[in-house]
């Protein structure tokens, strides 16, 4: 059985973004991976969401999603619901 697909959006401070998709067993594993990328690259946060397929385009401004960020020397992640 294959693992769920998670889509990630890492915004750049000066504009632009990096997007990728990876398989993880659950959202907590995806969040832990994202925290490692944030620390490695010096970013502040990223958005991620489980998606139905690798072809799916995730738009954080339009969809509920998770946010991973680094606060006070500790990682946090929360679920954000986008309401129109």
PDB file of N, CA and C in Angstrom:
ATOM      1  N   UNK A   1       0.847  -1.182   0.000  1.00  0.00           N
ATOM      2  CA  UNK A   1       0.000   0.000   0.000  1.00  0.00           C
ATOM      3  C   UNK A   1       0.892   1.245   0.000  1.00  0.00           C
ATOM      4  N   UNK A   2       0.560   2.207  -0.830  1.00  0.00           N
ATOM      5  CA  UNK A   2       1.380   3.420  -0.915  1.00  0.00           C
ATOM      6  C   UNK A   2       0.990   4.422   0.175  1.00  0.00           C
ATOM      7  N   UNK A   3       1.934   5.271   0.480  1.00  0.00           N
ATOM      8  CA  UNK A   3       1.709   6.297   1.501  1.00  0.00           C
ATOM      9  C   UNK A   3       1.013   7.505   0.882  1.00  0.00           C
ATOM     10  N   UNK A   4       0.331   8.305   1.710  1.00  0.00           N
ATOM     11  CA  UNK A   4      -0.314   9.516   1.210  1.00  0.00           C
ATOM     12  C   UNK A   4       0.704  10.495   0.614  1.00  0.00           C
ATOM     13  N   UNK A   5       0.223  11.313  -0.293  1.00  0.00           N
ATOM     14  CA  UNK A   5       1.046  12.342  -0.930  1.00  0.00           C
ATOM     15  C   UNK A   5       0.774  13.668  -0.230  1.00  0.00           C
ATOM     16  N   UNK A   6       1.840  14.378   0.107  1.00  0.00           N
ATOM     17  CA  UNK A   6       1.723  15.704   0.711  1.00  0.00           C
ATOM     18  C   UNK A   6       2.379  16.721  -0.211  1.00  0.00           C
ATOM     19  N   UNK A   7       1.672  17.825  -0.440  1.00  0.00           N
ATOM     20  CA  UNK A   7       2.199  18.923  -1.251  1.00  0.00           C
ATOM     21  C   UNK A   7       2.689  20.012  -0.304  1.00  0.00           C
ATOM     22  N   UNK A   8       3.843  20.595  -0.617  1.00  0.00           N
ATOM     23  CA  UNK A   8       4.470  21.617   0.218  1.00  0.00           C
ATOM     24  C   UNK A   8       4.692  22.885  -0.595  1.00  0.00           C
ATOM     25  N   UNK A   9       4.506  24.037   0.061  1.00  0.00           N
ATOM     26  CA  UNK A   9       4.822  25.337  -0.526  1.00  0.00           C
ATOM     27  C   UNK A   9       5.699  26.078   0.483  1.00  0.00           C
ATOM     28  N   UNK A  10       6.945  26.365   0.075  1.00  0.00           N
ATOM     29  CA  UNK A  10       7.888  27.118   0.901  1.00  0.00           C
ATOM     30  C   UNK A  10       8.019  28.517   0.298  1.00  0.00           C
ATOM     31  N   UNK A  11       7.368  29.537   0.885  1.00  0.00           N
ATOM     32  CA  UNK A  11       7.474  30.896   0.346  1.00  0.00           C
ATOM     33  C   UNK A  11       8.857  31.503   0.625  1.00  0.00           C
ATOM     34  N   UNK A  12       9.371  32.269  -0.318  1.00  0.00           N
ATOM     35  CA  UNK A  12      10.629  32.994  -0.141  1.00  0.00           C
ATOM     36  C   UNK A  12      10.323  34.388   0.392  1.00  0.00           C
ATOM     37  N   UNK A  13      11.188  34.900   1.255  1.00  0.00           N
ATOM     38  CA  UNK A  13      10.989  36.210   1.873  1.00  0.00           C
ATOM     39  C   UNK A  13      10.852  37.308   0.821  1.00  0.00           C
ATOM     40  N   UNK A  14      11.678  37.289  -0.204  1.00  0.00           N
ATOM     41  CA  UNK A  14      11.651  38.333  -1.228  1.00  0.00           C
ATOM     42  C   UNK A  14      10.643  38.100  -2.332  1.00  0.00           C
ATOM     43  N   UNK A  15       9.816  37.085  -2.216  1.00  0.00           N
ATOM     44  CA  UNK A  15       8.847  36.749  -3.258  1.00  0.00           C
ATOM     45  C   UNK A  15       9.206  35.418  -3.891  1.00  0.00           C
ATOM     46  N   UNK A  16       8.266  34.803  -4.517  1.00  0.00           N
ATOM     47  CA  UNK A  16       8.471  33.500  -5.117  1.00  0.00           C
ATOM     48  C   UNK A  16       8.276  32.395  -4.097  1.00  0.00           C
ATOM     49  N   UNK A  17       8.440  31.172  -4.547  1.00  0.00           N
ATOM     50  CA  UNK A  17       8.208  30.032  -3.674  1.00  0.00           C
ATOM     51  C   UNK A  17       8.859  28.787  -4.262  1.00  0.00           C
ATOM     52  N   UNK A  18       9.043  27.797  -3.409  1.00  0.00           N
ATOM     53  CA  UNK A  18       9.503  26.478  -3.825  1.00  0.00           C
ATOM     54  C   UNK A  18       8.385  25.513  -3.505  1.00  0.00           C
ATOM     55  N   UNK A  19       8.014  24.667  -4.470  1.00  0.00           N
ATOM     56  CA  UNK A  19       6.954  23.674  -4.283  1.00  0.00           C
ATOM     57  C   UNK A  19       7.508  22.280  -4.498  1.00  0.00           C
ATOM     58  N   UNK A  20       6.988  21.328  -3.727  1.00  0.00           N
ATOM     59  CA  UNK A  20       7.360  19.931  -3.945  1.00  0.00           C
ATOM     60  C   UNK A  20       6.271  19.040  -3.376  1.00  0.00           C
ATOM     61  N   UNK A  21       6.350  17.758  -3.728  1.00  0.00           N
ATOM     62  CA  UNK A  21       5.434  16.744  -3.199  1.00  0.00           C
ATOM     63  C   UNK A  21       6.263  15.554  -2.748  1.00  0.00           C
ATOM     64  N   UNK A  22       5.836  14.957  -1.649  1.00  0.00           N
ATOM     65  CA  UNK A  22       6.528  13.778  -1.104  1.00  0.00           C
ATOM     66  C   UNK A  22       5.512  12.870  -0.431  1.00  0.00           C
ATOM     67  N   UNK A  23       5.861  11.612  -0.319  1.00  0.00           N
ATOM     68  CA  UNK A  23       5.020  10.647   0.386  1.00  0.00           C
ATOM     69  C   UNK A  23       5.480  10.530   1.837  1.00  0.00           C
ATOM     70  N   UNK A  24       4.500  10.507   2.740  1.00  0.00           N
ATOM     71  CA  UNK A  24       4.751  10.293   4.164  1.00  0.00           C
ATOM     72  C   UNK A  24       3.612   9.458   4.725  1.00  0.00           C
ATOM     73  N   UNK A  25       3.850   8.742   5.817  1.00  0.00           N
ATOM     74  CA  UNK A  25       2.771   7.933   6.398  1.00  0.00           C
ATOM     75  C   UNK A  25       1.653   8.769   7.021  1.00  0.00           C
ATOM     76  N   UNK A  26       1.985  10.008   7.465  1.00  0.00           N
ATOM     77  CA  UNK A  26       0.975  10.837   8.122  1.00  0.00           C
ATOM     78  C   UNK A  26       1.437  12.298   8.135  1.00  0.00           C
ATOM     79  N   UNK A  27       0.526  13.182   8.574  1.00  0.00           N
ATOM     80  CA  UNK A  27       0.810  14.628   8.591  1.00  0.00           C
ATOM     81  C   UNK A  27       1.935  14.974   9.560  1.00  0.00           C
ATOM     82  N   UNK A  28       2.041  14.262  10.667  1.00  0.00           N
ATOM     83  CA  UNK A  28       3.113  14.554  11.618  1.00  0.00           C
ATOM     84  C   UNK A  28       4.491  14.287  11.003  1.00  0.00           C
ATOM     85  N   UNK A  29       4.620  13.212  10.262  1.00  0.00           N
ATOM     86  CA  UNK A  29       5.886  12.922   9.575  1.00  0.00           C
ATOM     87  C   UNK A  29       6.186  13.986   8.527  1.00  0.00           C
ATOM     88  N   UNK A  30       5.158  14.424   7.816  1.00  0.00           N
ATOM     89  CA  UNK A  30       5.331  15.484   6.818  1.00  0.00           C
ATOM     90  C   UNK A  30       5.776  16.780   7.493  1.00  0.00           C
ATOM     91  N   UNK A  31       5.177  17.109   8.634  1.00  0.00           N
ATOM     92  CA  UNK A  31       5.541  18.331   9.358  1.00  0.00           C
ATOM     93  C   UNK A  31       6.984  18.258   9.860  1.00  0.00           C
ATOM     94  N   UNK A  32       7.390  17.113  10.361  1.00  0.00           N
ATOM     95  CA  UNK A  32       8.765  16.970  10.839  1.00  0.00           C
ATOM     96  C   UNK A  32       9.772  17.143   9.705  1.00  0.00           C
ATOM     97  N   UNK A  33       9.473  16.601   8.539  1.00  0.00           N
ATOM     98  CA  UNK A  33      10.343  16.784   7.374  1.00  0.00           C
ATOM     99  C   UNK A  33      10.419  18.265   7.007  1.00  0.00           C
ATOM    100  N   UNK A  34       9.264  18.939   6.992  1.00  0.00           N
ATOM    101  CA  UNK A  34       9.219  20.359   6.634  1.00  0.00           C
ATOM    102  C   UNK A  34      10.032  21.211   7.611  1.00  0.00           C
ATOM    103  N   UNK A  35       9.971  20.901   8.900  1.00  0.00           N
ATOM    104  CA  UNK A  35      10.761  21.634   9.893  1.00  0.00           C
ATOM    105  C   UNK A  35      12.246  21.503   9.582  1.00  0.00           C
ATOM    106  N   UNK A  36      12.694  20.308   9.219  1.00  0.00           N
ATOM    107  CA  UNK A  36      14.104  20.125   8.873  1.00  0.00           C
ATOM    108  C   UNK A  36      14.507  20.964   7.667  1.00  0.00           C
ATOM    109  N   UNK A  37      13.630  21.072   6.679  1.00  0.00           N
ATOM    110  CA  UNK A  37      13.917  21.902   5.504  1.00  0.00           C
ATOM    111  C   UNK A  37      13.954  23.371   5.901  1.00  0.00           C
ATOM    112  N   UNK A  38      13.019  23.799   6.721  1.00  0.00           N
ATOM    113  CA  UNK A  38      12.986  25.193   7.184  1.00  0.00           C
ATOM    114  C   UNK A  38      14.291  25.543   7.894  1.00  0.00           C
ATOM    115  N   UNK A  39      14.734  24.680   8.788  1.00  0.00           N
ATOM    116  CA  UNK A  39      15.969  24.943   9.528  1.00  0.00           C
ATOM    117  C   UNK A  39      17.183  24.957   8.595  1.00  0.00           C
ATOM    118  N   UNK A  40      17.232  24.021   7.672  1.00  0.00           N
ATOM    119  CA  UNK A  40      18.357  23.910   6.739  1.00  0.00           C
ATOM    120  C   UNK A  40      18.457  25.128   5.823  1.00  0.00           C
ATOM    121  N   UNK A  41      17.307  25.586   5.333  1.00  0.00           N
ATOM    122  CA  UNK A  41      17.287  26.676   4.356  1.00  0.00           C
ATOM    123  C   UNK A  41      17.158  28.059   5.000  1.00  0.00           C
ATOM    124  N   UNK A  42      16.868  28.111   6.292  1.00  0.00           N
ATOM    125  CA  UNK A  42      16.721  29.395   6.973  1.00  0.00           C
ATOM    126  C   UNK A  42      15.393  30.080   6.706  1.00  0.00           C
ATOM    127  N   UNK A  43      14.391  29.311   6.296  1.00  0.00           N
ATOM    128  CA  UNK A  43      13.063  29.868   6.056  1.00  0.00           C
ATOM    129  C   UNK A  43      12.316  30.010   7.375  1.00  0.00           C
ATOM    130  N   UNK A  44      11.171  30.691   7.330  1.00  0.00           N
ATOM    131  CA  UNK A  44      10.365  30.884   8.530  1.00  0.00           C
ATOM    132  C   UNK A  44       9.222  29.885   8.649  1.00  0.00           C
ATOM    133  N   UNK A  45       8.650  29.485   7.524  1.00  0.00           N
ATOM    134  CA  UNK A  45       7.470  28.637   7.565  1.00  0.00           C
ATOM    135  C   UNK A  45       7.231  27.990   6.204  1.00  0.00           C
ATOM    136  N   UNK A  46       6.297  27.037   6.188  1.00  0.00           N
ATOM    137  CA  UNK A  46       5.816  26.473   4.933  1.00  0.00           C
ATOM    138  C   UNK A  46       4.380  26.018   5.121  1.00  0.00           C
ATOM    139  N   UNK A  47       3.704  25.849   4.006  1.00  0.00           N
ATOM    140  CA  UNK A  47       2.337  25.337   3.983  1.00  0.00           C
ATOM    141  C   UNK A  47       2.379  23.917   3.442  1.00  0.00           C
ATOM    142  N   UNK A  48       1.507  23.044   3.950  1.00  0.00           N
ATOM    143  CA  UNK A  48       1.412  21.732   3.342  1.00  0.00           C
ATOM    144  C   UNK A  48       0.023  21.140   3.521  1.00  0.00           C
ATOM    145  N   UNK A  49      -0.262  20.171   2.678  1.00  0.00           N
ATOM    146  CA  UNK A  49      -1.587  19.549   2.666  1.00  0.00           C
ATOM    147  C   UNK A  49      -1.473  18.170   2.034  1.00  0.00           C
ATOM    148  N   UNK A  50      -2.248  17.233   2.547  1.00  0.00           N
ATOM    149  CA  UNK A  50      -2.353  15.940   1.877  1.00  0.00           C
ATOM    150  C   UNK A  50      -3.188  16.129   0.614  1.00  0.00           C
ATOM    151  N   UNK A  51      -2.710  15.582  -0.502  1.00  0.00           N
ATOM    152  CA  UNK A  51      -3.413  15.735  -1.778  1.00  0.00           C
ATOM    153  C   UNK A  51      -3.745  14.365  -2.352  1.00  0.00           C
ATOM    154  N   UNK A  52      -4.709  14.350  -3.249  1.00  0.00           N
ATOM    155  CA  UNK A  52      -5.205  13.091  -3.803  1.00  0.00           C
ATOM    156  C   UNK A  52      -4.279  12.465  -4.838  1.00  0.00           C
ATOM    157  N   UNK A  53      -3.488  13.302  -5.529  1.00  0.00           N
ATOM    158  CA  UNK A  53      -2.600  12.761  -6.559  1.00  0.00           C
ATOM    159  C   UNK A  53      -1.397  13.679  -6.745  1.00  0.00           C
ATOM    160  N   UNK A  54      -0.395  13.156  -7.418  1.00  0.00           N
ATOM    161  CA  UNK A  54       0.801  13.967  -7.674  1.00  0.00           C
ATOM    162  C   UNK A  54       0.539  15.050  -8.706  1.00  0.00           C
ATOM    163  N   UNK A  55      -0.579  14.989  -9.402  1.00  0.00           N
ATOM    164  CA  UNK A  55      -0.943  16.013 -10.394  1.00  0.00           C
ATOM    165  C   UNK A  55      -1.673  17.201  -9.769  1.00  0.00           C
ATOM    166  N   UNK A  56      -2.100  17.060  -8.513  1.00  0.00           N
ATOM    167  CA  UNK A  56      -2.902  18.093  -7.858  1.00  0.00           C
ATOM    168  C   UNK A  56      -2.054  19.326  -7.569  1.00  0.00           C
ATOM    169  N   UNK A  57      -2.601  20.511  -7.859  1.00  0.00           N
ATOM    170  CA  UNK A  57      -1.922  21.773  -7.560  1.00  0.00           C
ATOM    171  C   UNK A  57      -2.562  22.376  -6.309  1.00  0.00           C
ATOM    172  N   UNK A  58      -1.778  22.481  -5.259  1.00  0.00           N
ATOM    173  CA  UNK A  58      -2.229  22.994  -3.964  1.00  0.00           C
ATOM    174  C   UNK A  58      -2.050  24.504  -3.921  1.00  0.00           C
ATOM    175  N   UNK A  59      -3.131  25.236  -3.613  1.00  0.00           N
ATOM    176  CA  UNK A  59      -3.103  26.694  -3.487  1.00  0.00           C
ATOM    177  C   UNK A  59      -3.462  27.078  -2.058  1.00  0.00           C
ATOM    178  N   UNK A  60      -2.463  27.418  -1.225  1.00  0.00           N
ATOM    179  CA  UNK A  60      -2.730  27.718   0.187  1.00  0.00           C
ATOM    180  C   UNK A  60      -3.734  28.848   0.412  1.00  0.00           C
ATOM    181  N   UNK A  61      -3.796  29.807  -0.502  1.00  0.00           N
ATOM    182  CA  UNK A  61      -4.713  30.938  -0.320  1.00  0.00           C
ATOM    183  C   UNK A  61      -6.181  30.519  -0.475  1.00  0.00           C
ATOM    184  N   UNK A  62      -6.421  29.366  -1.073  1.00  0.00           N
ATOM    185  CA  UNK A  62      -7.787  28.945  -1.376  1.00  0.00           C
ATOM    186  C   UNK A  62      -8.244  27.695  -0.638  1.00  0.00           C
ATOM    187  N   UNK A  63      -7.346  27.024   0.076  1.00  0.00           N
ATOM    188  CA  UNK A  63      -7.676  25.738   0.669  1.00  0.00           C
ATOM    189  C   UNK A  63      -7.212  25.633   2.121  1.00  0.00           C
ATOM    190  N   UNK A  64      -7.909  24.824   2.885  1.00  0.00           N
ATOM    191  CA  UNK A  64      -7.448  24.516   4.236  1.00  0.00           C
ATOM    192  C   UNK A  64      -6.119  23.785   4.136  1.00  0.00           C
ATOM    193  N   UNK A  65      -5.237  24.029   5.108  1.00  0.00           N
ATOM    194  CA  UNK A  65      -3.902  23.455   5.034  1.00  0.00           C
ATOM    195  C   UNK A  65      -3.229  23.494   6.400  1.00  0.00           C
ATOM    196  N   UNK A  66      -2.080  22.864   6.487  1.00  0.00           N
ATOM    197  CA  UNK A  66      -1.236  22.928   7.674  1.00  0.00           C
ATOM    198  C   UNK A  66      -0.165  23.990   7.443  1.00  0.00           C
ATOM    199  N   UNK A  67       0.281  24.612   8.519  1.00  0.00           N
ATOM    200  CA  UNK A  67       1.409  25.533   8.464  1.00  0.00           C
ATOM    201  C   UNK A  67       2.447  25.053   9.462  1.00  0.00           C
ATOM    202  N   UNK A  68       3.675  24.947   9.007  1.00  0.00           N
ATOM    203  CA  UNK A  68       4.796  24.587   9.870  1.00  0.00           C
ATOM    204  C   UNK A  68       5.657  25.828  10.019  1.00  0.00           C
ATOM    205  N   UNK A  69       6.009  26.179  11.252  1.00  0.00           N
ATOM    206  CA  UNK A  69       6.874  27.347  11.466  1.00  0.00           C
ATOM    207  C   UNK A  69       7.800  27.090  12.646  1.00  0.00           C
ATOM    208  N   UNK A  70       8.773  27.962  12.786  1.00  0.00           N
ATOM    209  CA  UNK A  70       9.760  27.848  13.850  1.00  0.00           C
ATOM    210  C   UNK A  70       9.558  29.031  14.782  1.00  0.00           C
ATOM    211  N   UNK A  71       9.172  28.755  16.040  1.00  0.00           N
ATOM    212  CA  UNK A  71       8.929  29.802  17.039  1.00  0.00           C
ATOM    213  C   UNK A  71       9.760  29.539  18.281  1.00  0.00           C
ATOM    214  N   UNK A  72      10.495  30.540  18.723  1.00  0.00           N
ATOM    215  CA  UNK A  72      11.213  30.452  20.001  1.00  0.00           C
ATOM    216  C   UNK A  72      12.011  29.159  20.142  1.00  0.00           C
ATOM    217  N   UNK A  73      12.781  28.843  19.115  1.00  0.00           N
ATOM    218  CA  UNK A  73      13.641  27.666  19.119  1.00  0.00           C
ATOM    219  C   UNK A  73      12.897  26.341  19.230  1.00  0.00           C
ATOM    220  N   UNK A  74      11.649  26.317  18.806  1.00  0.00           N
ATOM    221  CA  UNK A  74      10.883  25.075  18.812  1.00  0.00           C
ATOM    222  C   UNK A  74       9.937  25.053  17.613  1.00  0.00           C
ATOM    223  N   UNK A  75       9.796  23.905  16.972  1.00  0.00           N
ATOM    224  CA  UNK A  75       8.884  23.832  15.825  1.00  0.00           C
ATOM    225  C   UNK A  75       7.435  23.774  16.278  1.00  0.00           C
ATOM    226  N   UNK A  76       6.564  24.337  15.489  1.00  0.00           N
ATOM    227  CA  UNK A  76       5.126  24.222  15.714  1.00  0.00           C
ATOM    228  C   UNK A  76       4.463  23.959  14.375  1.00  0.00           C
ATOM    229  N   UNK A  77       3.326  23.316  14.420  1.00  0.00           N
ATOM    230  CA  UNK A  77       2.515  23.209  13.218  1.00  0.00           C
ATOM    231  C   UNK A  77       1.056  23.210  13.600  1.00  0.00           C
ATOM    232  N   UNK A  78       0.278  23.849  12.766  1.00  0.00           N
ATOM    233  CA  UNK A  78      -1.126  24.052  13.033  1.00  0.00           C
ATOM    234  C   UNK A  78      -1.917  23.821  11.764  1.00  0.00           C
ATOM    235  N   UNK A  79      -3.196  23.584  11.915  1.00  0.00           N
ATOM    236  CA  UNK A  79      -4.090  23.463  10.771  1.00  0.00           C
ATOM    237  C   UNK A  79      -4.814  24.791  10.604  1.00  0.00           C
ATOM    238  N   UNK A  80      -4.776  25.329   9.396  1.00  0.00           N
ATOM    239  CA  UNK A  80      -5.465  26.567   9.094  1.00  0.00           C
ATOM    240  C   UNK A  80      -6.607  26.269   8.138  1.00  0.00           C
ATOM    241  N   UNK A  81      -7.781  26.736   8.471  1.00  0.00           N
ATOM    242  CA  UNK A  81      -8.935  26.600   7.584  1.00  0.00           C
ATOM    243  C   UNK A  81      -9.134  27.915   6.852  1.00  0.00           C
ATOM    244  N   UNK A  82      -9.173  27.848   5.544  1.00  0.00           N
ATOM    245  CA  UNK A  82      -9.404  29.028   4.720  1.00  0.00           C
ATOM    246  C   UNK A  82     -10.902  29.142   4.525  1.00  0.00           C
ATOM    247  N   UNK A  83     -11.459  30.273   4.922  1.00  0.00           N
ATOM    248  CA  UNK A  83     -12.904  30.485   4.817  1.00  0.00           C
ATOM    249  C   UNK A  83     -13.142  31.629   3.845  1.00  0.00           C
ATOM    250  N   UNK A  84     -13.987  31.365   2.853  1.00  0.00           N
ATOM    251  CA  UNK A  84     -14.299  32.411   1.851  1.00  0.00           C
ATOM    252  C   UNK A  84     -15.246  33.431   2.424  1.00  0.00           C
TER     253      UNK A  84
END
